[in-house]
Amino acid sequence: MGRNPARYDVLSDFCFYFYRACRAAIVFLKNGGSATDGVEMALKSLEDNEITNSGYGSNLSIDGTVECDASIMEDSGRSGAVGAVWGNN
């Protein structure tokens, strides 16, 4: 069984984008940001890249439009969410 070059390229791309997302969070945290804000920064980094399928590739609604949901919660219980959001970022 040989190594599949196409699979390796995709996995290395994923690793690069996840690394970049983690770096975004770390920079934010080192500058005094909260853990929740750091996670949000990492997720925004992933959402800005189509290969991670975060914010891209959504299933179509029954009327053929793309709708997205998102939520975030802190350990204190504070949370926020949106649903059925459509349009650009």
Protein backbone atom coordinates (compact mmCIF):
# COMPACT_ATOMS: atom_id res chain seq x y z
CA MET A 1 0.00 0.00 0.00
CA GLY A 2 1.57 3.20 -1.18
CA ARG A 3 0.98 6.70 0.03
CA ASN A 4 -1.79 8.50 -1.82
CA PRO A 5 -0.23 11.84 -2.89
CA ALA A 6 -3.61 13.54 -3.38
CA ARG A 7 -4.71 12.58 0.14
CA TYR A 8 -1.41 13.78 1.58
CA ASP A 9 -1.78 17.17 -0.11
CA VAL A 10 -5.29 17.62 1.30
CA LEU A 11 -4.17 16.58 4.79
CA SER A 12 -1.18 18.90 4.67
CA ASP A 13 -3.49 21.73 3.58
CA PHE A 14 -5.79 21.00 6.53
CA CYS A 15 -2.83 21.00 8.91
CA PHE A 16 -1.67 24.35 7.55
CA TYR A 17 -5.09 25.98 7.96
CA PHE A 18 -5.64 24.54 11.43
CA TYR A 19 -2.17 25.73 12.43
CA ARG A 20 -3.02 29.19 11.08
CA ALA A 21 -6.31 29.20 13.05
CA CYS A 22 -4.47 28.25 16.24
CA ARG A 23 -1.89 30.95 15.64
CA ALA A 24 -4.68 33.52 15.23
CA ALA A 25 -6.09 32.51 18.61
CA ILE A 26 -2.69 32.50 20.31
CA VAL A 27 -1.81 35.98 19.06
CA PHE A 28 -5.17 37.23 20.29
CA LEU A 29 -4.71 35.58 23.72
CA LYS A 30 -1.16 36.91 24.10
CA ASN A 31 -2.55 40.41 23.56
CA GLY A 32 -4.97 40.05 26.46
CA GLY A 33 -8.02 38.64 24.68
CA SER A 34 -10.36 36.22 26.44
CA ALA A 35 -10.44 32.49 25.68
CA THR A 36 -13.86 32.89 24.08
CA ASP A 37 -12.55 35.66 21.84
CA GLY A 38 -9.54 33.48 20.98
CA VAL A 39 -11.82 30.63 19.91
CA GLU A 40 -13.88 33.08 17.88
CA MET A 41 -10.73 34.30 16.11
CA ALA A 42 -9.70 30.72 15.30
CA LEU A 43 -13.14 29.94 13.93
CA LYS A 44 -13.17 33.09 11.82
CA SER A 45 -9.85 31.98 10.34
CA LEU A 46 -11.36 28.59 9.46
CA GLU A 47 -14.53 30.17 8.09
CA ASP A 48 -12.47 32.27 5.71
CA ASN A 49 -11.12 29.14 4.03
CA GLU A 50 -13.20 26.92 1.79
CA ILE A 51 -11.08 23.79 2.38
CA THR A 52 -12.16 23.52 6.04
CA ASN A 53 -15.85 23.62 5.07
CA SER A 54 -16.58 25.99 7.90
CA GLY A 55 -18.90 28.61 6.53
CA TYR A 56 -18.71 27.05 3.07
CA GLY A 57 -20.53 24.09 1.59
CA SER A 58 -23.74 24.46 3.53
CA ASN A 59 -26.72 22.35 2.59
CA LEU A 60 -29.41 24.16 0.70
CA SER A 61 -32.70 24.99 2.39
CA ILE A 62 -35.98 23.74 0.97
CA ASP A 63 -36.24 26.86 -1.20
CA GLY A 64 -32.69 26.45 -2.54
CA THR A 65 -30.88 29.10 -0.50
CA VAL A 66 -27.88 28.64 1.77
CA GLU A 67 -28.61 29.21 5.46
CA CYS A 68 -26.13 28.85 8.29
CA ASP A 69 -26.39 28.51 12.07
CA ALA A 70 -23.75 29.31 14.66
CA SER A 71 -23.44 29.34 18.43
CA ILE A 72 -20.81 29.98 21.07
CA MET A 73 -20.87 29.40 24.82
CA GLU A 74 -18.55 30.35 27.68
CA ASP A 75 -17.90 28.22 30.73
CA SER A 76 -19.83 30.81 32.75
CA GLY A 77 -22.97 29.87 30.82
CA ARG A 78 -23.08 33.02 28.71
CA SER A 79 -23.94 32.15 25.15
CA GLY A 80 -25.06 33.52 21.85
CA ALA A 81 -26.44 32.04 18.69
CA VAL A 82 -27.83 32.87 15.29
CA GLY A 83 -29.93 30.74 12.98
CA ALA A 84 -31.03 30.67 9.38
CA VAL A 85 -28.55 33.38 8.42
CA TRP A 86 -28.17 33.94 4.70
CA GLY A 87 -26.07 36.21 2.54
CA ASN A 88 -22.36 36.97 2.64
CA ASN A 89 -20.18 36.58 5.73
